[in-house]
């Protein structure tokens, strides 16, 4: 099969019994590697903690308080 979108994380999806693509935890983890969410040296402890938790459990619920605890307003919007 030809991979038309090699950088889209398409290969981390699965196909359901109805032949529809299903989102997997690995697919969700790829979003954490995008520049908008990836950790940088300036990342605060709250951001690092949330990033780690989502890496381990990408479907975890994130509270408004967790987002508000991040020191960078731009990263708050990205989450």
N, C-alpha and C. Protein backbone atom coordinates (compact mmCIF):
# COMPACT_ATOMS: atom_id res chain seq x y z
N UNK A 1 0.83 -1.18 0.00
CA UNK A 1 0.00 0.00 0.00
C UNK A 1 0.88 1.25 0.00
N UNK A 2 0.53 2.22 -0.80
CA UNK A 2 1.28 3.47 -0.88
C UNK A 2 0.92 4.37 0.30
N UNK A 3 1.95 4.93 0.90
CA UNK A 3 1.74 5.87 2.01
C UNK A 3 1.80 7.28 1.43
N UNK A 4 0.63 7.86 1.20
CA UNK A 4 0.56 9.17 0.59
C UNK A 4 0.96 10.29 1.55
N UNK A 5 0.76 10.09 2.81
CA UNK A 5 1.06 11.12 3.81
C UNK A 5 2.02 10.55 4.85
N UNK A 6 3.29 10.40 4.50
CA UNK A 6 4.24 9.73 5.41
C UNK A 6 4.45 10.44 6.74
N UNK A 7 4.17 11.73 6.81
CA UNK A 7 4.40 12.48 8.05
C UNK A 7 3.11 12.79 8.80
N UNK A 8 2.05 12.13 8.46
CA UNK A 8 0.74 12.45 9.05
C UNK A 8 0.38 11.58 10.24
N UNK A 9 1.18 10.61 10.57
CA UNK A 9 0.90 9.64 11.63
C UNK A 9 -0.24 8.70 11.25
N UNK A 10 -0.58 8.68 9.99
CA UNK A 10 -1.62 7.78 9.47
C UNK A 10 -1.34 6.33 9.87
N UNK A 11 -0.08 5.94 9.84
CA UNK A 11 0.29 4.56 10.13
C UNK A 11 0.01 4.15 11.57
N UNK A 12 -0.26 5.12 12.45
CA UNK A 12 -0.55 4.78 13.85
C UNK A 12 -2.04 4.57 14.09
N UNK A 13 -2.87 4.80 13.07
CA UNK A 13 -4.30 4.54 13.18
C UNK A 13 -4.58 3.06 12.95
N UNK A 14 -5.72 2.59 13.40
CA UNK A 14 -6.14 1.22 13.11
C UNK A 14 -7.45 1.28 12.33
N UNK A 15 -7.81 0.15 11.76
CA UNK A 15 -9.05 0.06 10.99
C UNK A 15 -10.04 -0.77 11.79
N UNK A 16 -11.23 -0.20 11.99
CA UNK A 16 -12.27 -0.89 12.74
C UNK A 16 -12.99 -1.92 11.89
N UNK A 17 -13.89 -2.66 12.51
CA UNK A 17 -14.65 -3.70 11.81
C UNK A 17 -15.53 -3.12 10.71
N UNK A 18 -15.82 -1.82 10.79
CA UNK A 18 -16.63 -1.16 9.76
C UNK A 18 -15.76 -0.48 8.70
N UNK A 19 -14.46 -0.81 8.71
CA UNK A 19 -13.47 -0.26 7.77
C UNK A 19 -13.24 1.24 7.93
N UNK A 20 -13.58 1.78 9.08
CA UNK A 20 -13.32 3.19 9.38
C UNK A 20 -12.03 3.28 10.20
N UNK A 21 -11.30 4.37 10.00
CA UNK A 21 -10.07 4.56 10.77
C UNK A 21 -10.41 4.90 12.22
N UNK A 22 -9.64 4.32 13.13
CA UNK A 22 -9.83 4.55 14.56
C UNK A 22 -8.59 5.22 15.14
N UNK A 23 -8.82 6.22 15.96
CA UNK A 23 -7.73 6.92 16.64
C UNK A 23 -7.15 6.01 17.71
N UNK A 24 -5.83 5.93 17.77
CA UNK A 24 -5.14 5.13 18.78
C UNK A 24 -4.40 6.06 19.74
N UNK A 25 -3.96 5.51 20.86
CA UNK A 25 -3.15 6.30 21.79
C UNK A 25 -1.86 6.78 21.12
N UNK A 26 -1.26 5.93 20.30
CA UNK A 26 -0.03 6.34 19.61
C UNK A 26 -0.28 7.51 18.66
N UNK A 27 -1.43 7.52 18.00
CA UNK A 27 -1.78 8.65 17.14
C UNK A 27 -1.86 9.93 17.96
N UNK A 28 -2.52 9.87 19.10
CA UNK A 28 -2.64 11.05 19.96
C UNK A 28 -1.27 11.50 20.47
N UNK A 29 -0.39 10.55 20.75
CA UNK A 29 0.96 10.91 21.24
C UNK A 29 1.74 11.71 20.19
N UNK A 30 1.48 11.47 18.92
CA UNK A 30 2.21 12.21 17.89
C UNK A 30 1.95 13.71 17.99
N UNK A 31 0.78 14.09 18.49
CA UNK A 31 0.48 15.51 18.65
C UNK A 31 1.37 16.15 19.72
N UNK A 32 1.79 15.38 20.70
CA UNK A 32 2.67 15.92 21.74
C UNK A 32 4.06 16.23 21.20
N UNK A 33 4.40 15.68 20.05
CA UNK A 33 5.70 15.92 19.44
C UNK A 33 5.69 17.11 18.48
N UNK A 34 4.51 17.63 18.20
CA UNK A 34 4.41 18.80 17.32
C UNK A 34 5.02 20.02 18.02
N UNK A 35 5.54 20.98 17.25
CA UNK A 35 6.18 22.15 17.85
C UNK A 35 5.28 22.91 18.83
N UNK A 36 3.98 22.89 18.59
CA UNK A 36 3.06 23.63 19.46
C UNK A 36 2.98 23.04 20.86
N UNK A 37 3.25 21.75 21.00
CA UNK A 37 3.10 21.09 22.30
C UNK A 37 4.38 20.45 22.82
N UNK A 38 5.39 20.33 22.00
CA UNK A 38 6.62 19.69 22.44
C UNK A 38 7.31 20.54 23.49
N UNK A 39 7.97 19.88 24.41
CA UNK A 39 8.68 20.59 25.47
C UNK A 39 9.89 21.34 24.91
N UNK A 40 10.17 22.47 25.50
CA UNK A 40 11.34 23.28 25.16
C UNK A 40 12.08 23.56 26.47
N UNK A 41 13.32 24.02 26.40
CA UNK A 41 14.06 24.28 27.64
C UNK A 41 13.33 25.21 28.61
N UNK A 42 12.52 26.12 28.09
CA UNK A 42 11.81 27.09 28.94
C UNK A 42 10.52 26.53 29.53
N UNK A 43 10.15 25.31 29.19
CA UNK A 43 8.89 24.73 29.69
C UNK A 43 8.89 24.70 31.22
N UNK A 44 7.77 25.12 31.80
CA UNK A 44 7.65 25.14 33.26
C UNK A 44 7.34 23.73 33.79
N UNK A 45 7.41 23.58 35.10
CA UNK A 45 7.16 22.27 35.72
C UNK A 45 5.74 21.77 35.44
N UNK A 46 4.76 22.68 35.45
CA UNK A 46 3.37 22.27 35.20
C UNK A 46 3.23 21.73 33.78
N UNK A 47 3.87 22.38 32.83
CA UNK A 47 3.81 21.91 31.44
C UNK A 47 4.51 20.56 31.30
N UNK A 48 5.67 20.42 31.93
CA UNK A 48 6.40 19.16 31.86
C UNK A 48 5.60 18.02 32.48
N UNK A 49 4.96 18.30 33.58
CA UNK A 49 4.16 17.29 34.27
C UNK A 49 2.98 16.84 33.41
N UNK A 50 2.27 17.80 32.83
CA UNK A 50 1.12 17.47 31.99
C UNK A 50 1.56 16.72 30.74
N UNK A 51 2.64 17.16 30.14
CA UNK A 51 3.16 16.50 28.94
C UNK A 51 3.51 15.04 29.25
N UNK A 52 4.15 14.81 30.38
CA UNK A 52 4.50 13.44 30.78
C UNK A 52 3.25 12.60 31.00
N UNK A 53 2.28 13.16 31.69
CA UNK A 53 1.04 12.42 31.96
C UNK A 53 0.32 12.07 30.67
N UNK A 54 0.26 13.02 29.73
CA UNK A 54 -0.40 12.74 28.46
C UNK A 54 0.40 11.77 27.60
N UNK A 55 1.71 11.78 27.73
CA UNK A 55 2.53 10.80 27.01
C UNK A 55 2.22 9.39 27.49
N UNK A 56 1.99 9.25 28.78
CA UNK A 56 1.67 7.95 29.36
C UNK A 56 0.22 7.56 29.12
N UNK A 57 -0.67 8.54 29.14
CA UNK A 57 -2.11 8.28 29.00
C UNK A 57 -2.74 9.40 28.17
N UNK A 58 -2.64 9.30 26.84
CA UNK A 58 -3.06 10.40 25.98
C UNK A 58 -4.54 10.76 26.04
N UNK A 59 -5.36 9.89 26.59
CA UNK A 59 -6.79 10.19 26.69
C UNK A 59 -7.19 10.74 28.06
N UNK A 60 -6.19 11.08 28.85
CA UNK A 60 -6.46 11.61 30.19
C UNK A 60 -7.23 12.93 30.09
N UNK A 61 -8.05 13.17 31.07
CA UNK A 61 -8.80 14.42 31.15
C UNK A 61 -7.89 15.50 31.71
N UNK A 62 -7.92 16.67 31.10
CA UNK A 62 -7.11 17.79 31.55
C UNK A 62 -8.04 18.84 32.13
N UNK A 63 -7.74 19.29 33.33
CA UNK A 63 -8.59 20.30 33.96
C UNK A 63 -8.16 21.71 33.54
N UNK A 64 -9.07 22.64 33.68
CA UNK A 64 -8.76 24.05 33.41
C UNK A 64 -7.66 24.54 34.35
N UNK A 65 -7.64 24.02 35.57
CA UNK A 65 -6.62 24.43 36.54
C UNK A 65 -5.23 24.00 36.09
N UNK A 66 -5.13 22.82 35.49
CA UNK A 66 -3.83 22.36 35.00
C UNK A 66 -3.32 23.26 33.88
N UNK A 67 -4.21 23.66 33.01
CA UNK A 67 -3.81 24.54 31.91
C UNK A 67 -3.44 25.92 32.46
N UNK A 68 -4.23 26.42 33.39
CA UNK A 68 -3.96 27.74 33.97
C UNK A 68 -2.64 27.77 34.75
N UNK A 69 -2.18 26.62 35.23
CA UNK A 69 -0.94 26.56 36.00
C UNK A 69 0.31 26.72 35.13
N UNK A 70 0.15 26.62 33.81
CA UNK A 70 1.30 26.78 32.91
C UNK A 70 1.65 28.25 32.81
N UNK A 71 2.95 28.54 32.87
CA UNK A 71 3.40 29.93 32.92
C UNK A 71 3.33 30.65 31.57
N UNK A 72 3.30 29.91 30.47
CA UNK A 72 3.30 30.52 29.14
C UNK A 72 1.87 30.57 28.59
N UNK A 73 1.33 31.77 28.37
CA UNK A 73 -0.04 31.88 27.85
C UNK A 73 -0.21 31.22 26.48
N UNK A 74 0.84 31.23 25.66
CA UNK A 74 0.73 30.59 24.34
C UNK A 74 0.53 29.09 24.46
N UNK A 75 1.26 28.46 25.36
CA UNK A 75 1.11 27.01 25.52
C UNK A 75 -0.24 26.68 26.15
N UNK A 76 -0.75 27.56 26.98
CA UNK A 76 -2.09 27.35 27.53
C UNK A 76 -3.11 27.26 26.40
N UNK A 77 -3.02 28.15 25.44
CA UNK A 77 -3.94 28.15 24.29
C UNK A 77 -3.75 26.87 23.47
N UNK A 78 -2.52 26.43 23.31
CA UNK A 78 -2.26 25.23 22.51
C UNK A 78 -2.85 23.98 23.14
N UNK A 79 -2.86 23.92 24.47
CA UNK A 79 -3.48 22.78 25.12
C UNK A 79 -4.98 22.92 25.12
